[in-house]
PDB file of N, CA and C in Angstrom:
ATOM      1  N   MET A   1       0.850  -1.176   0.000  1.00  0.00           N
ATOM      2  CA  MET A   1       0.000   0.000   0.000  1.00  0.00           C
ATOM      3  C   MET A   1       0.899   1.243   0.000  1.00  0.00           C
ATOM      4  N   PRO A   2       0.641   2.203  -0.845  1.00  0.00           N
ATOM      5  CA  PRO A   2       1.481   3.403  -0.894  1.00  0.00           C
ATOM      6  C   PRO A   2       1.310   4.242   0.373  1.00  0.00           C
ATOM      7  N   PRO A   3       2.311   5.051   0.710  1.00  0.00           N
ATOM      8  CA  PRO A   3       2.195   5.901   1.898  1.00  0.00           C
ATOM      9  C   PRO A   3       1.080   6.931   1.740  1.00  0.00           C
ATOM     10  N   THR A   4       0.596   7.392   2.874  1.00  0.00           N
ATOM     11  CA  THR A   4      -0.423   8.437   2.895  1.00  0.00           C
ATOM     12  C   THR A   4       0.168   9.729   2.362  1.00  0.00           C
ATOM     13  N   LEU A   5      -0.523  10.358   1.418  1.00  0.00           N
ATOM     14  CA  LEU A   5      -0.100  11.643   0.886  1.00  0.00           C
ATOM     15  C   LEU A   5      -1.038  12.693   1.457  1.00  0.00           C
ATOM     16  N   ALA A   6      -0.482  13.589   2.291  1.00  0.00           N
ATOM     17  CA  ALA A   6      -1.339  14.583   2.927  1.00  0.00           C
ATOM     18  C   ALA A   6      -0.532  15.830   3.245  1.00  0.00           C
ATOM     19  N   ASN A   7      -1.142  16.969   3.079  1.00  0.00           N
ATOM     20  CA  ASN A   7      -0.507  18.237   3.413  1.00  0.00           C
ATOM     21  C   ASN A   7      -0.076  18.228   4.877  1.00  0.00           C
ATOM     22  N   GLY A   8       1.174  18.584   5.135  1.00  0.00           N
ATOM     23  CA  GLY A   8       1.688  18.676   6.492  1.00  0.00           C
ATOM     24  C   GLY A   8       2.290  17.398   7.042  1.00  0.00           C
ATOM     25  N   LYS A   9       2.175  16.292   6.347  1.00  0.00           N
ATOM     26  CA  LYS A   9       2.715  15.011   6.821  1.00  0.00           C
ATOM     27  C   LYS A   9       4.241  15.028   6.750  1.00  0.00           C
ATOM     28  N   ILE A  10       4.884  14.548   7.805  1.00  0.00           N
ATOM     29  CA  ILE A  10       6.337  14.356   7.744  1.00  0.00           C
ATOM     30  C   ILE A  10       6.581  13.129   6.880  1.00  0.00           C
ATOM     31  N   CYS A  11       7.415  13.301   5.833  1.00  0.00           N
ATOM     32  CA  CYS A  11       7.546  12.220   4.866  1.00  0.00           C
ATOM     33  C   CYS A  11       8.979  11.782   4.601  1.00  0.00           C
ATOM     34  N   TYR A  12       9.975  12.619   4.916  1.00  0.00           N
ATOM     35  CA  TYR A  12      11.343  12.315   4.503  1.00  0.00           C
ATOM     36  C   TYR A  12      12.328  12.871   5.523  1.00  0.00           C
ATOM     37  N   LEU A  13      13.341  12.076   5.846  1.00  0.00           N
ATOM     38  CA  LEU A  13      14.380  12.486   6.792  1.00  0.00           C
ATOM     39  C   LEU A  13      15.759  12.302   6.172  1.00  0.00           C
ATOM     40  N   GLU A  14      16.649  13.220   6.456  1.00  0.00           N
ATOM     41  CA  GLU A  14      18.062  13.052   6.133  1.00  0.00           C
ATOM     42  C   GLU A  14      18.798  12.984   7.462  1.00  0.00           C
ATOM     43  N   ILE A  15      19.412  11.833   7.714  1.00  0.00           N
ATOM     44  CA  ILE A  15      20.061  11.580   8.994  1.00  0.00           C
ATOM     45  C   ILE A  15      21.575  11.658   8.805  1.00  0.00           C
ATOM     46  N   PRO A  16      22.247  12.576   9.525  1.00  0.00           N
ATOM     47  CA  PRO A  16      23.705  12.643   9.427  1.00  0.00           C
ATOM     48  C   PRO A  16      24.354  11.324   9.860  1.00  0.00           C
ATOM     49  N   ALA A  17      25.379  10.931   9.135  1.00  0.00           N
ATOM     50  CA  ALA A  17      26.099   9.687   9.430  1.00  0.00           C
ATOM     51  C   ALA A  17      27.581   9.902   9.209  1.00  0.00           C
ATOM     52  N   VAL A  18      28.381   9.228  10.006  1.00  0.00           N
ATOM     53  CA  VAL A  18      29.826   9.188   9.788  1.00  0.00           C
ATOM     54  C   VAL A  18      30.136   8.043   8.836  1.00  0.00           C
ATOM     55  N   ASP A  19      29.463   6.923   9.049  1.00  0.00           N
ATOM     56  CA  ASP A  19      29.625   5.712   8.246  1.00  0.00           C
ATOM     57  C   ASP A  19      28.212   5.233   7.892  1.00  0.00           C
ATOM     58  N   ILE A  20      27.825   5.360   6.643  1.00  0.00           N
ATOM     59  CA  ILE A  20      26.460   5.049   6.228  1.00  0.00           C
ATOM     60  C   ILE A  20      26.116   3.586   6.478  1.00  0.00           C
ATOM     61  N   THR A  21      27.047   2.678   6.236  1.00  0.00           N
ATOM     62  CA  THR A  21      26.781   1.262   6.476  1.00  0.00           C
ATOM     63  C   THR A  21      26.514   1.007   7.955  1.00  0.00           C
ATOM     64  N   ARG A  22      27.315   1.585   8.813  1.00  0.00           N
ATOM     65  CA  ARG A  22      27.133   1.401  10.257  1.00  0.00           C
ATOM     66  C   ARG A  22      25.789   1.979  10.713  1.00  0.00           C
ATOM     67  N   SER A  23      25.447   3.167  10.232  1.00  0.00           N
ATOM     68  CA  SER A  23      24.170   3.772  10.606  1.00  0.00           C
ATOM     69  C   SER A  23      22.993   2.970  10.058  1.00  0.00           C
ATOM     70  N   SER A  24      23.073   2.527   8.819  1.00  0.00           N
ATOM     71  CA  SER A  24      21.961   1.755   8.259  1.00  0.00           C
ATOM     72  C   SER A  24      21.784   0.439   9.002  1.00  0.00           C
ATOM     73  N   ASP A  25      22.887  -0.219   9.365  1.00  0.00           N
ATOM     74  CA  ASP A  25      22.796  -1.451  10.152  1.00  0.00           C
ATOM     75  C   ASP A  25      22.117  -1.185  11.494  1.00  0.00           C
ATOM     76  N   PHE A  26      22.476  -0.071  12.140  1.00  0.00           N
ATOM     77  CA  PHE A  26      21.903   0.291  13.433  1.00  0.00           C
ATOM     78  C   PHE A  26      20.380   0.453  13.323  1.00  0.00           C
ATOM     79  N   TYR A  27      19.913   1.272  12.398  1.00  0.00           N
ATOM     80  CA  TYR A  27      18.481   1.540  12.275  1.00  0.00           C
ATOM     81  C   TYR A  27      17.705   0.306  11.814  1.00  0.00           C
ATOM     82  N   THR A  28      18.334  -0.532  11.018  1.00  0.00           N
ATOM     83  CA  THR A  28      17.692  -1.772  10.587  1.00  0.00           C
ATOM     84  C   THR A  28      17.535  -2.729  11.761  1.00  0.00           C
ATOM     85  N   LYS A  29      18.597  -2.891  12.540  1.00  0.00           N
ATOM     86  CA  LYS A  29      18.560  -3.848  13.650  1.00  0.00           C
ATOM     87  C   LYS A  29      17.760  -3.343  14.844  1.00  0.00           C
ATOM     88  N   VAL A  30      17.818  -2.052  15.133  1.00  0.00           N
ATOM     89  CA  VAL A  30      17.117  -1.516  16.305  1.00  0.00           C
ATOM     90  C   VAL A  30      15.638  -1.284  16.026  1.00  0.00           C
ATOM     91  N   PHE A  31      15.304  -0.725  14.867  1.00  0.00           N
ATOM     92  CA  PHE A  31      13.927  -0.326  14.585  1.00  0.00           C
ATOM     93  C   PHE A  31      13.239  -1.133  13.490  1.00  0.00           C
ATOM     94  N   GLY A  32      13.974  -2.010  12.814  1.00  0.00           N
ATOM     95  CA  GLY A  32      13.372  -2.809  11.751  1.00  0.00           C
ATOM     96  C   GLY A  32      13.141  -2.057  10.458  1.00  0.00           C
ATOM     97  N   TRP A  33      13.855  -0.926  10.274  1.00  0.00           N
ATOM     98  CA  TRP A  33      13.693  -0.175   9.038  1.00  0.00           C
ATOM     99  C   TRP A  33      14.233  -0.988   7.869  1.00  0.00           C
ATOM    100  N   GLN A  34      13.616  -0.825   6.718  1.00  0.00           N
ATOM    101  CA  GLN A  34      14.040  -1.490   5.492  1.00  0.00           C
ATOM    102  C   GLN A  34      14.931  -0.546   4.689  1.00  0.00           C
ATOM    103  N   THR A  35      15.963  -1.082   4.064  1.00  0.00           N
ATOM    104  CA  THR A  35      16.823  -0.264   3.218  1.00  0.00           C
ATOM    105  C   THR A  35      16.645  -0.664   1.760  1.00  0.00           C
ATOM    106  N   ARG A  36      16.998   0.278   0.888  1.00  0.00           N
ATOM    107  CA  ARG A  36      16.899   0.045  -0.557  1.00  0.00           C
ATOM    108  C   ARG A  36      17.845   1.005  -1.257  1.00  0.00           C
ATOM    109  N   LYS A  37      18.202   0.681  -2.475  1.00  0.00           N
ATOM    110  CA  LYS A  37      19.012   1.571  -3.302  1.00  0.00           C
ATOM    111  C   LYS A  37      18.083   2.488  -4.075  1.00  0.00           C
ATOM    112  N   ARG A  38      18.381   3.781  -4.023  1.00  0.00           N
ATOM    113  CA  ARG A  38      17.611   4.755  -4.796  1.00  0.00           C
ATOM    114  C   ARG A  38      18.087   4.719  -6.242  1.00  0.00           C
ATOM    115  N   GLY A  39      17.382   5.440  -7.097  1.00  0.00           N
ATOM    116  CA  GLY A  39      17.743   5.520  -8.508  1.00  0.00           C
ATOM    117  C   GLY A  39      19.137   6.080  -8.723  1.00  0.00           C
ATOM    118  N   ASP A  40      19.593   6.946  -7.803  1.00  0.00           N
ATOM    119  CA  ASP A  40      20.940   7.514  -7.933  1.00  0.00           C
ATOM    120  C   ASP A  40      22.012   6.639  -7.282  1.00  0.00           C
ATOM    121  N   GLY A  41      21.605   5.453  -6.781  1.00  0.00           N
ATOM    122  CA  GLY A  41      22.553   4.519  -6.192  1.00  0.00           C
ATOM    123  C   GLY A  41      22.777   4.687  -4.698  1.00  0.00           C
ATOM    124  N   ARG A  42      22.266   5.772  -4.112  1.00  0.00           N
ATOM    125  CA  ARG A  42      22.445   5.989  -2.677  1.00  0.00           C
ATOM    126  C   ARG A  42      21.523   5.075  -1.881  1.00  0.00           C
ATOM    127  N   LEU A  43      21.952   4.775  -0.661  1.00  0.00           N
ATOM    128  CA  LEU A  43      21.162   3.940   0.224  1.00  0.00           C
ATOM    129  C   LEU A  43      20.059   4.776   0.862  1.00  0.00           C
ATOM    130  N   ALA A  44      18.854   4.253   0.853  1.00  0.00           N
ATOM    131  CA  ALA A  44      17.700   4.928   1.444  1.00  0.00           C
ATOM    132  C   ALA A  44      17.034   3.976   2.431  1.00  0.00           C
ATOM    133  N   PHE A  45      16.115   4.520   3.222  1.00  0.00           N
ATOM    134  CA  PHE A  45      15.375   3.685   4.160  1.00  0.00           C
ATOM    135  C   PHE A  45      13.894   4.004   4.103  1.00  0.00           C
ATOM    136  N   ASP A  46      13.106   3.045   4.569  1.00  0.00           N
ATOM    137  CA  ASP A  46      11.689   3.213   4.820  1.00  0.00           C
ATOM    138  C   ASP A  46      11.458   2.761   6.253  1.00  0.00           C
ATOM    139  N   ASP A  47      10.712   3.559   7.023  1.00  0.00           N
ATOM    140  CA  ASP A  47      10.482   3.209   8.421  1.00  0.00           C
ATOM    141  C   ASP A  47       9.596   1.974   8.520  1.00  0.00           C
ATOM    142  N   GLY A  48       9.328   1.544   9.739  1.00  0.00           N
ATOM    143  CA  GLY A  48       8.565   0.325   9.969  1.00  0.00           C
ATOM    144  C   GLY A  48       7.137   0.359   9.468  1.00  0.00           C
ATOM    145  N   THR A  49       6.607   1.542   9.187  1.00  0.00           N
ATOM    146  CA  THR A  49       5.240   1.651   8.680  1.00  0.00           C
ATOM    147  C   THR A  49       5.195   1.832   7.169  1.00  0.00           C
ATOM    148  N   GLY A  50       6.348   2.137   6.566  1.00  0.00           N
ATOM    149  CA  GLY A  50       6.374   2.453   5.144  1.00  0.00           C
ATOM    150  C   GLY A  50       5.843   3.843   4.847  1.00  0.00           C
ATOM    151  N   GLU A  51       5.651   4.653   5.887  1.00  0.00           N
ATOM    152  CA  GLU A  51       5.091   5.997   5.733  1.00  0.00           C
ATOM    153  C   GLU A  51       6.155   7.084   5.662  1.00  0.00           C
ATOM    154  N   VAL A  52       7.337   6.810   6.197  1.00  0.00           N
ATOM    155  CA  VAL A  52       8.416   7.805   6.205  1.00  0.00           C
ATOM    156  C   VAL A  52       9.641   7.173   5.562  1.00  0.00           C
ATOM    157  N   SER A  53      10.275   7.915   4.671  1.00  0.00           N
ATOM    158  CA  SER A  53      11.495   7.434   4.044  1.00  0.00           C
ATOM    159  C   SER A  53      12.594   8.457   4.247  1.00  0.00           C
ATOM    160  N   GLY A  54      13.774   8.110   3.805  1.00  0.00           N
ATOM    161  CA  GLY A  54      14.884   9.038   3.933  1.00  0.00           C
ATOM    162  C   GLY A  54      16.185   8.400   3.535  1.00  0.00           C
ATOM    163  N   THR A  55      17.260   9.060   3.931  1.00  0.00           N
ATOM    164  CA  THR A  55      18.600   8.585   3.610  1.00  0.00           C
ATOM    165  C   THR A  55      19.563   9.044   4.690  1.00  0.00           C
ATOM    166  N   TRP A  56      20.749   8.492   4.678  1.00  0.00           N
ATOM    167  CA  TRP A  56      21.822   8.936   5.567  1.00  0.00           C
ATOM    168  C   TRP A  56      22.763   9.788   4.745  1.00  0.00           C
ATOM    169  N   VAL A  57      23.247  10.868   5.335  1.00  0.00           N
ATOM    170  CA  VAL A  57      24.128  11.792   4.634  1.00  0.00           C
ATOM    171  C   VAL A  57      25.411  12.004   5.433  1.00  0.00           C
ATOM    172  N   THR A  58      26.518  12.035   4.712  1.00  0.00           N
ATOM    173  CA  THR A  58      27.795  12.334   5.339  1.00  0.00           C
ATOM    174  C   THR A  58      28.114  13.810   5.129  1.00  0.00           C
ATOM    175  N   GLY A  59      29.086  14.299   5.865  1.00  0.00           N
ATOM    176  CA  GLY A  59      29.502  15.682   5.703  1.00  0.00           C
ATOM    177  C   GLY A  59      28.637  16.679   6.455  1.00  0.00           C
ATOM    178  N   ARG A  60      27.756  16.180   7.305  1.00  0.00           N
ATOM    179  CA  ARG A  60      26.921  17.049   8.146  1.00  0.00           C
ATOM    180  C   ARG A  60      27.182  16.723   9.604  1.00  0.00           C
ATOM    181  N   ARG A  61      27.094  17.756  10.431  1.00  0.00           N
ATOM    182  CA  ARG A  61      27.233  17.554  11.864  1.00  0.00           C
ATOM    183  C   ARG A  61      26.053  16.751  12.383  1.00  0.00           C
ATOM    184  N   PRO A  62      26.302  15.755  13.230  1.00  0.00           N
ATOM    185  CA  PRO A  62      25.184  15.049  13.857  1.00  0.00           C
ATOM    186  C   PRO A  62      24.395  16.006  14.748  1.00  0.00           C
ATOM    187  N   SER A  63      23.129  15.734  14.935  1.00  0.00           N
ATOM    188  CA  SER A  63      22.272  16.501  15.843  1.00  0.00           C
ATOM    189  C   SER A  63      22.421  15.896  17.235  1.00  0.00           C
ATOM    190  N   THR A  64      23.398  16.368  17.984  1.00  0.00           N
ATOM    191  CA  THR A  64      23.749  15.751  19.261  1.00  0.00           C
ATOM    192  C   THR A  64      22.963  16.294  20.444  1.00  0.00           C
ATOM    193  N   ASP A  65      22.349  17.456  20.287  1.00  0.00           N
ATOM    194  CA  ASP A  65      21.598  18.085  21.369  1.00  0.00           C
ATOM    195  C   ASP A  65      20.132  18.211  20.989  1.00  0.00           C
ATOM    196  N   ALA A  66      19.290  18.330  22.026  1.00  0.00           N
ATOM    197  CA  ALA A  66      17.861  18.510  21.774  1.00  0.00           C
ATOM    198  C   ALA A  66      17.620  19.905  21.217  1.00  0.00           C
ATOM    199  N   GLY A  67      17.153  19.953  20.029  1.00  0.00           N
ATOM    200  CA  GLY A  67      16.632  21.129  19.345  1.00  0.00           C
ATOM    201  C   GLY A  67      15.357  20.565  18.745  1.00  0.00           C
ATOM    202  N   LEU A  68      15.377  20.304  17.457  1.00  0.00           N
ATOM    203  CA  LEU A  68      14.333  19.492  16.856  1.00  0.00           C
ATOM    204  C   LEU A  68      14.653  18.055  17.262  1.00  0.00           C
ATOM    205  N   LEU A  69      13.756  17.410  17.937  1.00  0.00           N
ATOM    206  CA  LEU A  69      14.001  16.055  18.433  1.00  0.00           C
ATOM    207  C   LEU A  69      12.951  15.117  17.853  1.00  0.00           C
ATOM    208  N   ILE A  70      13.402  14.122  17.124  1.00  0.00           N
ATOM    209  CA  ILE A  70      12.538  13.124  16.511  1.00  0.00           C
ATOM    210  C   ILE A  70      12.419  11.934  17.463  1.00  0.00           C
ATOM    211  N   TYR A  71      11.193  11.473  17.674  1.00  0.00           N
ATOM    212  CA  TYR A  71      10.948  10.273  18.470  1.00  0.00           C
ATOM    213  C   TYR A  71      10.536   9.137  17.545  1.00  0.00           C
ATOM    214  N   VAL A  72      11.088   7.958  17.798  1.00  0.00           N
ATOM    215  CA  VAL A  72      10.738   6.753  17.056  1.00  0.00           C
ATOM    216  C   VAL A  72       9.920   5.870  17.991  1.00  0.00           C
ATOM    217  N   MET A  73       8.772   5.417  17.516  1.00  0.00           N
ATOM    218  CA  MET A  73       7.911   4.558  18.328  1.00  0.00           C
ATOM    219  C   MET A  73       8.497   3.154  18.405  1.00  0.00           C
ATOM    220  N   ALA A  74       8.402   2.579  19.594  1.00  0.00           N
ATOM    221  CA  ALA A  74       8.882   1.213  19.818  1.00  0.00           C
ATOM    222  C   ALA A  74       7.793   0.412  20.515  1.00  0.00           C
ATOM    223  N   ASP A  75       7.703  -0.881  20.204  1.00  0.00           N
ATOM    224  CA  ASP A  75       6.771  -1.753  20.931  1.00  0.00           C
ATOM    225  C   ASP A  75       7.173  -1.803  22.399  1.00  0.00           C
ATOM    226  N   SER A  76       8.485  -1.816  22.646  1.00  0.00           N
ATOM    227  CA  SER A  76       9.029  -1.838  24.001  1.00  0.00           C
ATOM    228  C   SER A  76      10.278  -0.966  24.022  1.00  0.00           C
ATOM    229  N   VAL A  77      10.231   0.135  24.742  1.00  0.00           N
ATOM    230  CA  VAL A  77      11.413   0.989  24.846  1.00  0.00           C
ATOM    231  C   VAL A  77      12.530   0.235  25.552  1.00  0.00           C
ATOM    232  N   ALA A  78      12.211  -0.573  26.551  1.00  0.00           N
ATOM    233  CA  ALA A  78      13.241  -1.346  27.260  1.00  0.00           C
ATOM    234  C   ALA A  78      13.987  -2.267  26.295  1.00  0.00           C
ATOM    235  N   ASN A  79      13.259  -2.980  25.439  1.00  0.00           N
ATOM    236  CA  ASN A  79      13.901  -3.859  24.455  1.00  0.00           C
ATOM    237  C   ASN A  79      14.699  -3.052  23.442  1.00  0.00           C
ATOM    238  N   ALA A  80      14.150  -1.911  23.037  1.00  0.00           N
ATOM    239  CA  ALA A  80      14.857  -1.057  22.078  1.00  0.00           C
ATOM    240  C   ALA A  80      16.170  -0.569  22.668  1.00  0.00           C
ATOM    241  N   LEU A  81      16.193  -0.219  23.957  1.00  0.00           N
ATOM    242  CA  LEU A  81      17.440   0.235  24.583  1.00  0.00           C
ATOM    243  C   LEU A  81      18.497  -0.854  24.591  1.00  0.00           C
ATOM    244  N   GLU A  82      18.086  -2.094  24.822  1.00  0.00           N
ATOM    245  CA  GLU A  82      19.035  -3.208  24.747  1.00  0.00           C
ATOM    246  C   GLU A  82      19.619  -3.310  23.339  1.00  0.00           C
ATOM    247  N   ALA A  83      18.768  -3.176  22.327  1.00  0.00           N
ATOM    248  CA  ALA A  83      19.221  -3.249  20.934  1.00  0.00           C
ATOM    249  C   ALA A  83      20.119  -2.062  20.593  1.00  0.00           C
ATOM    250  N   VAL A  84      19.814  -0.885  21.133  1.00  0.00           N
ATOM    251  CA  VAL A  84      20.642   0.307  20.896  1.00  0.00           C
ATOM    252  C   VAL A  84      22.068   0.043  21.358  1.00  0.00           C
ATOM    253  N   VAL A  85      22.217  -0.408  22.591  1.00  0.00           N
ATOM    254  CA  VAL A  85      23.546  -0.648  23.155  1.00  0.00           C
ATOM    255  C   VAL A  85      24.262  -1.765  22.398  1.00  0.00           C
ATOM    256  N   ALA A  86      23.536  -2.821  22.054  1.00  0.00           N
ATOM    257  CA  ALA A  86      24.127  -3.958  21.339  1.00  0.00           C
ATOM    258  C   ALA A  86      24.601  -3.592  19.936  1.00  0.00           C
ATOM    259  N   ASN A  87      24.055  -2.489  19.392  1.00  0.00           N
ATOM    260  CA  ASN A  87      24.377  -2.126  18.005  1.00  0.00           C
ATOM    261  C   ASN A  87      25.123  -0.806  17.876  1.00  0.00           C
ATOM    262  N   GLY A  88      25.804  -0.395  18.941  1.00  0.00           N
ATOM    263  CA  GLY A  88      26.714   0.743  18.843  1.00  0.00           C
ATOM    264  C   GLY A  88      26.161   2.087  19.239  1.00  0.00           C
ATOM    265  N   GLY A  89      24.942   2.143  19.771  1.00  0.00           N
ATOM    266  CA  GLY A  89      24.393   3.395  20.264  1.00  0.00           C
ATOM    267  C   GLY A  89      24.603   3.525  21.759  1.00  0.00           C
ATOM    268  N   THR A  90      24.223   4.662  22.312  1.00  0.00           N
ATOM    269  CA  THR A  90      24.342   4.881  23.749  1.00  0.00           C
ATOM    270  C   THR A  90      23.037   5.456  24.294  1.00  0.00           C
ATOM    271  N   ILE A  91      22.774   5.157  25.550  1.00  0.00           N
ATOM    272  CA  ILE A  91      21.596   5.683  26.227  1.00  0.00           C
ATOM    273  C   ILE A  91      21.952   7.039  26.828  1.00  0.00           C
ATOM    274  N   VAL A  92      21.167   8.055  26.508  1.00  0.00           N
ATOM    275  CA  VAL A  92      21.378   9.414  27.003  1.00  0.00           C
ATOM    276  C   VAL A  92      20.417   9.717  28.152  1.00  0.00           C
ATOM    277  N   GLN A  93      19.179   9.269  28.013  1.00  0.00           N
ATOM    278  CA  GLN A  93      18.151   9.477  29.042  1.00  0.00           C
ATOM    279  C   GLN A  93      17.407   8.160  29.224  1.00  0.00           C
ATOM    280  N   PRO A  94      17.450   7.568  30.410  1.00  0.00           N
ATOM    281  CA  PRO A  94      16.785   6.286  30.619  1.00  0.00           C
ATOM    282  C   PRO A  94      15.272   6.439  30.703  1.00  0.00           C
ATOM    283  N   ILE A  95      14.613   5.321  30.698  1.00  0.00           N
ATOM    284  CA  ILE A  95      13.159   5.281  30.887  1.00  0.00           C
ATOM    285  C   ILE A  95      12.839   5.875  32.260  1.00  0.00           C
ATOM    286  N   GLY A  96      11.739   6.610  32.349  1.00  0.00           N
ATOM    287  CA  GLY A  96      11.265   7.098  33.634  1.00  0.00           C
ATOM    288  C   GLY A  96      11.356   8.596  33.820  1.00  0.00           C
ATOM    289  N   VAL A  97      12.224   9.271  33.073  1.00  0.00           N
ATOM    290  CA  VAL A  97      12.403  10.707  33.244  1.00  0.00           C
ATOM    291  C   VAL A  97      11.143  11.474  32.856  1.00  0.00           C
ATOM    292  N   ASP A  98      10.430  11.008  31.844  1.00  0.00           N
ATOM    293  CA  ASP A  98       9.227  11.687  31.366  1.00  0.00           C
ATOM    294  C   ASP A  98       7.937  11.027  31.858  1.00  0.00           C
ATOM    295  N   ALA A  99       8.025  10.249  32.945  1.00  0.00           N
ATOM    296  CA  ALA A  99       6.853   9.525  33.463  1.00  0.00           C
ATOM    297  C   ALA A  99       5.689  10.493  33.646  1.00  0.00           C
ATOM    298  N   PRO A 100       4.489  10.065  33.335  1.00  0.00           N
ATOM    299  CA  PRO A 100       4.085   8.686  33.091  1.00  0.00           C
ATOM    300  C   PRO A 100       4.303   8.211  31.649  1.00  0.00           C
ATOM    301  N   GLU A 101       4.789   9.099  30.774  1.00  0.00           N
ATOM    302  CA  GLU A 101       5.088   8.648  29.406  1.00  0.00           C
ATOM    303  C   GLU A 101       6.266   7.683  29.435  1.00  0.00           C
ATOM    304  N   ILE A 102       6.281   6.727  28.516  1.00  0.00           N
ATOM    305  CA  ILE A 102       7.372   5.760  28.428  1.00  0.00           C
ATOM    306  C   ILE A 102       8.287   6.214  27.296  1.00  0.00           C
ATOM    307  N   THR A 103       9.362   6.877  27.671  1.00  0.00           N
ATOM    308  CA  THR A 103      10.306   7.417  26.697  1.00  0.00           C
ATOM    309  C   THR A 103      11.736   7.160  27.158  1.00  0.00           C
ATOM    310  N   ALA A 104      12.638   7.359  26.249  1.00  0.00           N
ATOM    311  CA  ALA A 104      14.073   7.368  26.532  1.00  0.00           C
ATOM    312  C   ALA A 104      14.710   8.158  25.396  1.00  0.00           C
ATOM    313  N   ARG A 105      15.966   8.522  25.578  1.00  0.00           N
ATOM    314  CA  ARG A 105      16.714   9.196  24.516  1.00  0.00           C
ATOM    315  C   ARG A 105      18.043   8.489  24.335  1.00  0.00           C
ATOM    316  N   ILE A 106      18.468   8.446  23.090  1.00  0.00           N
ATOM    317  CA  ILE A 106      19.702   7.739  22.738  1.00  0.00           C
ATOM    318  C   ILE A 106      20.541   8.593  21.796  1.00  0.00           C
ATOM    319  N   HIS A 107      21.794   8.198  21.660  1.00  0.00           N
ATOM    320  CA  HIS A 107      22.626   8.660  20.558  1.00  0.00           C
ATOM    321  C   HIS A 107      22.829   7.471  19.637  1.00  0.00           C
ATOM    322  N   ASP A 108      22.609   7.672  18.346  1.00  0.00           N
ATOM    323  CA  ASP A 108      22.904   6.621  17.375  1.00  0.00           C
ATOM    324  C   ASP A 108      24.420   6.571  17.180  1.00  0.00           C
ATOM    325  N   PRO A 109      24.943   5.659  16.369  1.00  0.00           N
ATOM    326  CA  PRO A 109      26.404   5.556  16.224  1.00  0.00           C
ATOM    327  C   PRO A 109      27.096   6.824  15.730  1.00  0.00           C
ATOM    328  N   ALA A 110      26.384   7.705  15.032  1.00  0.00           N
ATOM    329  CA  ALA A 110      26.977   8.959  14.561  1.00  0.00           C
ATOM    330  C   ALA A 110      26.884  10.058  15.614  1.00  0.00           C
ATOM    331  N   GLY A 111      26.106   9.823  16.674  1.00  0.00           N
ATOM    332  CA  GLY A 111      25.942  10.817  17.724  1.00  0.00           C
ATOM    333  C   GLY A 111      24.638  11.587  17.669  1.00  0.00           C
ATOM    334  N   ASN A 112      23.745  11.269  16.728  1.00  0.00           N
ATOM    335  CA  ASN A 112      22.449  11.946  16.644  1.00  0.00           C
ATOM    336  C   ASN A 112      21.587  11.600  17.858  1.00  0.00           C
ATOM    337  N   LEU A 113      20.962  12.605  18.436  1.00  0.00           N
ATOM    338  CA  LEU A 113      20.046  12.396  19.554  1.00  0.00           C
ATOM    339  C   LEU A 113      18.675  12.016  19.005  1.00  0.00           C
ATOM    340  N   ILE A 114      18.164  10.863  19.439  1.00  0.00           N
ATOM    341  CA  ILE A 114      16.891  10.334  18.987  1.00  0.00           C
ATOM    342  C   ILE A 114      16.078   9.953  20.217  1.00  0.00           C
ATOM    343  N   GLY A 115      14.797  10.303  20.208  1.00  0.00           N
ATOM    344  CA  GLY A 115      13.905   9.884  21.281  1.00  0.00           C
ATOM    345  C   GLY A 115      13.234   8.568  20.938  1.00  0.00           C
ATOM    346  N   LEU A 116      12.931   7.814  21.960  1.00  0.00           N
ATOM    347  CA  LEU A 116      12.167   6.579  21.821  1.00  0.00           C
ATOM    348  C   LEU A 116      10.863   6.759  22.581  1.00  0.00           C
ATOM    349  N   TYR A 117       9.772   6.261  22.029  1.00  0.00           N
ATOM    350  CA  TYR A 117       8.461   6.407  22.645  1.00  0.00           C
ATOM    351  C   TYR A 117       7.713   5.093  22.566  1.00  0.00           C
ATOM    352  N   GLN A 118       7.071   4.731  23.675  1.00  0.00           N
ATOM    353  CA  GLN A 118       6.225   3.537  23.726  1.00  0.00           C
ATOM    354  C   GLN A 118       4.838   3.958  24.156  1.00  0.00           C
ATOM    355  N   GLN A 119       3.844   3.554  23.407  1.00  0.00           N
ATOM    356  CA  GLN A 119       2.449   3.829  23.759  1.00  0.00           C
ATOM    357  C   GLN A 119       2.096   3.066  25.031  1.00  0.00           C
ATOM    358  N   ARG A 120       1.512   3.761  25.990  1.00  0.00           N
ATOM    359  CA  ARG A 120       1.093   3.092  27.219  1.00  0.00           C
ATOM    360  C   ARG A 120      -0.118   2.221  26.942  1.00  0.00           C
ATOM    361  N   ALA A 121      -0.200   1.114  27.668  1.00  0.00           N
ATOM    362  CA  ALA A 121      -1.308   0.173  27.495  1.00  0.00           C
ATOM    363  C   ALA A 121      -2.616   0.770  27.984  1.00  0.00           C
TER     364      ALA A 121
END
């Protein structure tokens, strides 16, 4: 099914990377994102819903501090944190700081600050 096309929808991300292979492996293993080659040969991704796509770019500073902060939904933030550490990321903010919301913040292998969010039952 094609992604939803709607005015105002977030549809594309460019994520700074030091090593595109390392970053793509991280996002694939931690979040289940799918990768593909674009028409220009660059590596691209589609998120777990197929609604957001993007690519990794070199030559840009990672977003290491909270300014614009993107949150990625996880079935289990606790499980996602284990996968983050196992795949070269670091935990910046553990679960519980934003209680009662279930969130955490991480740095990906390039140092980008990413939020994790779990829907409460």
